[in-house]
Amino acid sequence: MVSLLMELRVPPHVVQAIARHADVKITLKVYAHANLDAMREALGKLDGRLS
């Protein structure tokens, strides 16, 4: 569930509260896996700015 929330771009502090993690660093360290589609999208946005 937490991974899916992160993938859906729910803000980390909200995911932290839902998962009842004591610290957002735990949420980010364990569950914030950059997936290939997200990386492509991010690079596409960057490319649009640099062109």
Protein backbone atom coordinates (compact mmCIF):
# COMPACT_ATOMS: atom_id res chain seq x y z
CA MET A 1 0.00 0.00 0.00
CA VAL A 2 2.75 2.46 0.93
CA SER A 3 4.65 1.85 -2.31
CA LEU A 4 1.48 2.44 -4.30
CA LEU A 5 0.77 5.70 -2.46
CA MET A 6 4.31 6.88 -3.22
CA GLU A 7 3.92 5.86 -6.87
CA LEU A 8 0.67 7.85 -7.00
CA ARG A 9 2.70 10.86 -5.84
CA VAL A 10 0.92 11.26 -2.53
CA PRO A 11 3.10 13.69 -0.53
CA PRO A 12 5.56 11.80 1.68
CA HIS A 13 4.32 13.41 4.89
CA VAL A 14 0.81 12.16 4.12
CA VAL A 15 2.10 8.65 3.39
CA GLN A 16 4.07 8.82 6.64
CA ALA A 17 0.91 9.60 8.58
CA ILE A 18 -1.05 6.81 6.88
CA ALA A 19 1.74 4.29 7.48
CA ARG A 20 2.19 5.57 11.03
CA HIS A 21 5.94 5.92 10.61
CA ALA A 22 7.61 7.92 13.36
CA ASP A 23 9.79 9.81 10.88
CA VAL A 24 9.29 10.69 7.21
CA LYS A 25 12.90 9.58 6.62
CA ILE A 26 11.80 5.99 7.22
CA THR A 27 9.03 6.36 4.66
CA LEU A 28 11.38 7.82 2.07
CA LYS A 29 14.26 5.42 2.71
CA VAL A 30 12.19 2.26 2.58
CA TYR A 31 9.45 3.05 0.08
CA ALA A 32 10.56 5.84 -2.25
CA HIS A 33 11.87 3.66 -5.04
CA ALA A 34 12.31 5.66 -8.20
CA ASN A 35 10.66 3.65 -10.93
CA LEU A 36 11.69 3.83 -14.55
CA ASP A 37 8.55 5.64 -15.71
CA ALA A 38 8.96 8.32 -13.05
CA MET A 39 12.59 8.84 -14.04
CA ARG A 40 11.66 9.14 -17.71
CA GLU A 41 8.95 11.65 -16.89
CA ALA A 42 11.33 13.72 -14.76
CA LEU A 43 13.99 13.74 -17.45
CA GLY A 44 11.37 14.66 -20.04
CA LYS A 45 10.40 17.71 -17.97
CA LEU A 46 14.04 18.67 -17.63
CA ASP A 47 14.62 18.24 -21.35
CA GLY A 48 11.71 20.56 -22.09
CA ARG A 49 13.30 23.25 -19.93
CA LEU A 50 16.75 22.90 -21.46
CA SER A 51 15.63 22.95 -25.08
